Amino acid sequence: MPTDVSTSRLSTLLFDCLNAREGLDAWYEALAHDFTASYPGARTDLGKDEARAYNEVFPPAMSNLRFDYVGSAANGDVSNRADMERAARAAID
């Protein structure tokens, strides 16, 4: 049964699971049964099972893959865009 998890927490939970390289079970179980999301290269929105399959290929394909969370925007809110871009650049440097 899905838990009551915020959209922002779902995105960081996915990053946490990918970084830990211990599978996506915690993220998957937190998703609502009717979860959908758009993904790069996907022709349509992906459901829960397709999203899991899409994300599971990254850790084995890129052994040094690591996500550093620097911020988020929802529903078109880009009020902190400059701060997020600065943080992203600093994480790269």
N, C-alpha and C. Protein backbone atom coordinates (compact mmCIF):
# COMPACT_ATOMS: atom_id res chain seq x y z
N MET A 1 0.84 -1.17 0.00
CA MET A 1 0.00 0.00 0.00
C MET A 1 0.90 1.24 0.00
N PRO A 2 0.60 2.22 -0.85
CA PRO A 2 1.46 3.39 -0.92
C PRO A 2 1.42 4.20 0.37
N THR A 3 2.50 4.83 0.65
CA THR A 3 2.57 5.68 1.83
C THR A 3 2.24 7.11 1.44
N ASP A 4 2.03 7.95 2.43
CA ASP A 4 1.74 9.36 2.18
C ASP A 4 3.06 10.10 2.09
N VAL A 5 3.61 10.18 0.90
CA VAL A 5 4.91 10.79 0.67
C VAL A 5 4.75 11.96 -0.28
N SER A 6 5.38 13.09 0.03
CA SER A 6 5.27 14.27 -0.83
C SER A 6 6.00 14.04 -2.14
N THR A 7 5.61 14.81 -3.15
CA THR A 7 6.26 14.72 -4.46
C THR A 7 7.74 15.02 -4.34
N SER A 8 8.08 16.03 -3.57
CA SER A 8 9.48 16.39 -3.38
C SER A 8 10.24 15.23 -2.74
N ARG A 9 9.67 14.60 -1.74
CA ARG A 9 10.34 13.49 -1.07
C ARG A 9 10.47 12.29 -2.00
N LEU A 10 9.49 12.08 -2.90
CA LEU A 10 9.60 10.98 -3.85
C LEU A 10 10.82 11.16 -4.74
N SER A 11 11.08 12.39 -5.18
CA SER A 11 12.24 12.60 -6.05
C SER A 11 13.54 12.36 -5.28
N THR A 12 13.62 12.82 -4.05
CA THR A 12 14.85 12.58 -3.29
C THR A 12 14.97 11.11 -2.89
N LEU A 13 13.84 10.46 -2.66
CA LEU A 13 13.87 9.04 -2.32
C LEU A 13 14.41 8.23 -3.50
N LEU A 14 14.02 8.59 -4.71
CA LEU A 14 14.56 7.92 -5.89
C LEU A 14 16.07 8.12 -5.95
N PHE A 15 16.54 9.35 -5.76
CA PHE A 15 17.98 9.61 -5.77
C PHE A 15 18.68 8.81 -4.68
N ASP A 16 18.10 8.79 -3.49
CA ASP A 16 18.70 8.03 -2.38
C ASP A 16 18.84 6.55 -2.73
N CYS A 17 17.79 5.99 -3.33
CA CYS A 17 17.84 4.56 -3.70
C CYS A 17 18.89 4.31 -4.78
N LEU A 18 18.94 5.18 -5.78
CA LEU A 18 19.93 5.01 -6.83
C LEU A 18 21.35 5.14 -6.29
N ASN A 19 21.57 6.12 -5.41
CA ASN A 19 22.90 6.31 -4.83
C ASN A 19 23.31 5.14 -3.95
N ALA A 20 22.37 4.57 -3.21
CA ALA A 20 22.68 3.46 -2.30
C ALA A 20 22.94 2.15 -3.05
N ARG A 21 22.48 2.06 -4.29
CA ARG A 21 22.64 0.86 -5.11
C ARG A 21 22.08 -0.39 -4.42
N GLU A 22 20.97 -0.21 -3.71
CA GLU A 22 20.34 -1.33 -3.01
C GLU A 22 18.96 -1.62 -3.58
N GLY A 23 18.70 -1.19 -4.80
CA GLY A 23 17.41 -1.42 -5.42
C GLY A 23 16.46 -0.25 -5.19
N LEU A 24 15.33 -0.33 -5.83
CA LEU A 24 14.36 0.76 -5.80
C LEU A 24 13.11 0.42 -5.00
N ASP A 25 13.17 -0.60 -4.15
CA ASP A 25 11.98 -1.03 -3.42
C ASP A 25 11.34 0.08 -2.60
N ALA A 26 12.12 0.83 -1.84
CA ALA A 26 11.54 1.88 -0.98
C ALA A 26 10.83 2.94 -1.82
N TRP A 27 11.44 3.33 -2.93
CA TRP A 27 10.82 4.32 -3.82
C TRP A 27 9.56 3.74 -4.45
N TYR A 28 9.65 2.54 -4.97
CA TYR A 28 8.54 1.89 -5.64
C TYR A 28 7.33 1.74 -4.71
N GLU A 29 7.58 1.31 -3.50
CA GLU A 29 6.49 1.11 -2.52
C GLU A 29 5.86 2.41 -2.08
N ALA A 30 6.59 3.52 -2.18
CA ALA A 30 6.04 4.82 -1.81
C ALA A 30 5.16 5.42 -2.90
N LEU A 31 5.24 4.89 -4.12
CA LEU A 31 4.44 5.41 -5.22
C LEU A 31 2.98 5.01 -5.09
N ALA A 32 2.09 5.90 -5.49
CA ALA A 32 0.67 5.58 -5.53
C ALA A 32 0.42 4.51 -6.59
N HIS A 33 -0.62 3.73 -6.43
CA HIS A 33 -0.91 2.66 -7.39
C HIS A 33 -1.17 3.22 -8.79
N ASP A 34 -1.64 4.48 -8.87
CA ASP A 34 -1.93 5.09 -10.18
C ASP A 34 -0.87 6.11 -10.59
N PHE A 35 0.34 5.98 -10.06
CA PHE A 35 1.46 6.86 -10.37
C PHE A 35 1.72 6.89 -11.87
N THR A 36 1.97 8.08 -12.40
CA THR A 36 2.48 8.24 -13.76
C THR A 36 3.48 9.38 -13.76
N ALA A 37 4.43 9.32 -14.67
CA ALA A 37 5.43 10.39 -14.79
C ALA A 37 5.96 10.41 -16.21
N SER A 38 6.42 11.58 -16.62
CA SER A 38 7.04 11.67 -17.94
C SER A 38 8.54 11.46 -17.78
N TYR A 39 9.12 10.79 -18.75
CA TYR A 39 10.55 10.49 -18.73
C TYR A 39 11.15 10.83 -20.08
N PRO A 40 12.41 11.27 -20.10
CA PRO A 40 13.07 11.57 -21.38
C PRO A 40 13.08 10.34 -22.29
N GLY A 41 12.68 10.54 -23.53
CA GLY A 41 12.69 9.47 -24.50
C GLY A 41 11.45 8.60 -24.51
N ALA A 42 10.62 8.71 -23.50
CA ALA A 42 9.38 7.91 -23.46
C ALA A 42 8.31 8.63 -24.27
N ARG A 43 7.60 7.89 -25.07
CA ARG A 43 6.57 8.49 -25.93
C ARG A 43 5.32 8.87 -25.16
N THR A 44 5.07 8.19 -24.06
CA THR A 44 3.92 8.48 -23.22
C THR A 44 4.36 8.47 -21.77
N ASP A 45 3.49 8.92 -20.88
CA ASP A 45 3.81 8.84 -19.46
C ASP A 45 3.98 7.38 -19.06
N LEU A 46 4.86 7.15 -18.11
CA LEU A 46 5.13 5.79 -17.64
C LEU A 46 4.38 5.54 -16.35
N GLY A 47 3.86 4.35 -16.22
CA GLY A 47 3.23 3.92 -14.98
C GLY A 47 4.28 3.46 -13.98
N LYS A 48 3.82 3.00 -12.87
CA LYS A 48 4.69 2.59 -11.76
C LYS A 48 5.71 1.53 -12.18
N ASP A 49 5.24 0.47 -12.83
CA ASP A 49 6.15 -0.62 -13.21
C ASP A 49 7.14 -0.18 -14.29
N GLU A 50 6.65 0.59 -15.27
CA GLU A 50 7.54 1.06 -16.34
C GLU A 50 8.58 2.04 -15.80
N ALA A 51 8.18 2.90 -14.86
CA ALA A 51 9.11 3.86 -14.26
C ALA A 51 10.22 3.12 -13.50
N ARG A 52 9.84 2.07 -12.81
CA ARG A 52 10.85 1.29 -12.09
C ARG A 52 11.84 0.67 -13.07
N ALA A 53 11.31 0.07 -14.13
CA ALA A 53 12.17 -0.54 -15.14
C ALA A 53 13.09 0.50 -15.79
N TYR A 54 12.56 1.68 -16.06
CA TYR A 54 13.34 2.76 -16.67
C TYR A 54 14.52 3.13 -15.76
N ASN A 55 14.26 3.29 -14.47
CA ASN A 55 15.29 3.75 -13.53
C ASN A 55 16.28 2.66 -13.11
N GLU A 56 15.86 1.40 -13.14
CA GLU A 56 16.73 0.32 -12.67
C GLU A 56 17.95 0.08 -13.54
N VAL A 57 17.94 0.55 -14.77
CA VAL A 57 19.08 0.27 -15.66
C VAL A 57 20.29 1.16 -15.37
N PHE A 58 20.08 2.28 -14.69
CA PHE A 58 21.18 3.22 -14.52
C PHE A 58 22.32 2.75 -13.62
N PRO A 59 22.09 2.26 -12.41
CA PRO A 59 23.23 1.85 -11.57
C PRO A 59 24.13 0.79 -12.21
N PRO A 60 23.60 -0.28 -12.81
CA PRO A 60 24.51 -1.24 -13.43
C PRO A 60 25.24 -0.68 -14.66
N ALA A 61 24.59 0.24 -15.35
CA ALA A 61 25.19 0.79 -16.57
C ALA A 61 26.28 1.82 -16.27
N MET A 62 26.17 2.49 -15.15
CA MET A 62 27.13 3.56 -14.79
C MET A 62 27.55 3.36 -13.33
N SER A 63 28.63 2.66 -13.13
CA SER A 63 29.03 2.28 -11.78
C SER A 63 29.37 3.46 -10.88
N ASN A 64 29.73 4.60 -11.46
CA ASN A 64 30.07 5.75 -10.63
C ASN A 64 28.96 6.81 -10.62
N LEU A 65 27.76 6.44 -11.04
CA LEU A 65 26.63 7.36 -11.06
C LEU A 65 26.29 7.80 -9.64
N ARG A 66 26.15 9.10 -9.46
CA ARG A 66 25.75 9.65 -8.16
C ARG A 66 24.91 10.89 -8.40
N PHE A 67 23.82 10.99 -7.66
CA PHE A 67 22.96 12.16 -7.73
C PHE A 67 23.16 13.01 -6.49
N ASP A 68 23.34 14.29 -6.68
CA ASP A 68 23.40 15.24 -5.58
C ASP A 68 22.20 16.16 -5.71
N TYR A 69 21.33 16.12 -4.75
CA TYR A 69 20.10 16.90 -4.77
C TYR A 69 20.43 18.35 -4.41
N VAL A 70 20.02 19.28 -5.29
CA VAL A 70 20.30 20.70 -5.02
C VAL A 70 19.05 21.55 -4.92
N GLY A 71 17.89 21.01 -5.22
CA GLY A 71 16.65 21.76 -5.11
C GLY A 71 15.59 21.20 -6.03
N SER A 72 14.41 21.78 -5.95
CA SER A 72 13.33 21.31 -6.80
C SER A 72 12.39 22.45 -7.15
N ALA A 73 11.62 22.24 -8.18
CA ALA A 73 10.57 23.17 -8.58
C ALA A 73 9.36 22.34 -8.94
N ALA A 74 8.20 22.83 -8.61
CA ALA A 74 6.97 22.09 -8.91
C ALA A 74 5.95 23.01 -9.55
N ASN A 75 5.18 22.44 -10.45
CA ASN A 75 4.09 23.17 -11.10
C ASN A 75 4.56 24.47 -11.72
N GLY A 76 5.73 24.44 -12.35
CA GLY A 76 6.23 25.62 -13.05
C GLY A 76 6.89 26.67 -12.17
N ASP A 77 7.00 26.43 -10.88
CA ASP A 77 7.63 27.39 -9.98
C ASP A 77 9.13 27.39 -10.21
N VAL A 78 9.65 28.50 -10.69
CA VAL A 78 11.09 28.61 -10.91
C VAL A 78 11.66 29.79 -10.12
N SER A 79 11.01 30.15 -9.02
CA SER A 79 11.43 31.30 -8.24
C SER A 79 12.83 31.16 -7.67
N ASN A 80 13.26 29.94 -7.43
CA ASN A 80 14.61 29.74 -6.89
C ASN A 80 15.55 29.15 -7.93
N ARG A 81 15.24 29.36 -9.20
CA ARG A 81 16.02 28.77 -10.29
C ARG A 81 17.49 29.19 -10.23
N ALA A 82 17.76 30.47 -10.01
CA ALA A 82 19.15 30.93 -9.97
C ALA A 82 19.91 30.24 -8.84
N ASP A 83 19.28 30.09 -7.69
CA ASP A 83 19.94 29.41 -6.57
C ASP A 83 20.22 27.95 -6.91
N MET A 84 19.27 27.27 -7.55
CA MET A 84 19.46 25.87 -7.92
C MET A 84 20.57 25.73 -8.95
N GLU A 85 20.63 26.65 -9.93
CA GLU A 85 21.67 26.58 -10.94
C GLU A 85 23.05 26.81 -10.31
N ARG A 86 23.16 27.76 -9.38
CA ARG A 86 24.43 28.00 -8.69
C ARG A 86 24.86 26.76 -7.91
N ALA A 87 23.94 26.14 -7.21
CA ALA A 87 24.25 24.95 -6.43
C ALA A 87 24.67 23.80 -7.33
N ALA A 88 24.00 23.66 -8.47
CA ALA A 88 24.37 22.60 -9.41
C ALA A 88 25.76 22.82 -9.97
N ARG A 89 26.08 24.06 -10.32
CA ARG A 89 27.43 24.35 -10.83
C ARG A 89 28.48 24.08 -9.76
N ALA A 90 28.19 24.45 -8.53
CA ALA A 90 29.14 24.23 -7.44
C ALA A 90 29.36 22.74 -7.21
N ALA A 91 28.32 21.94 -7.36
CA ALA A 91 28.45 20.49 -7.17
C ALA A 91 29.32 19.87 -8.24
N ILE A 92 29.32 20.44 -9.43
CA ILE A 92 30.12 19.93 -10.55
C ILE A 92 31.59 20.31 -10.38
N ASP A 93 31.83 21.51 -9.87
CA ASP A 93 33.22 22.02 -9.72
C ASP A 93 33.96 21.34 -8.64
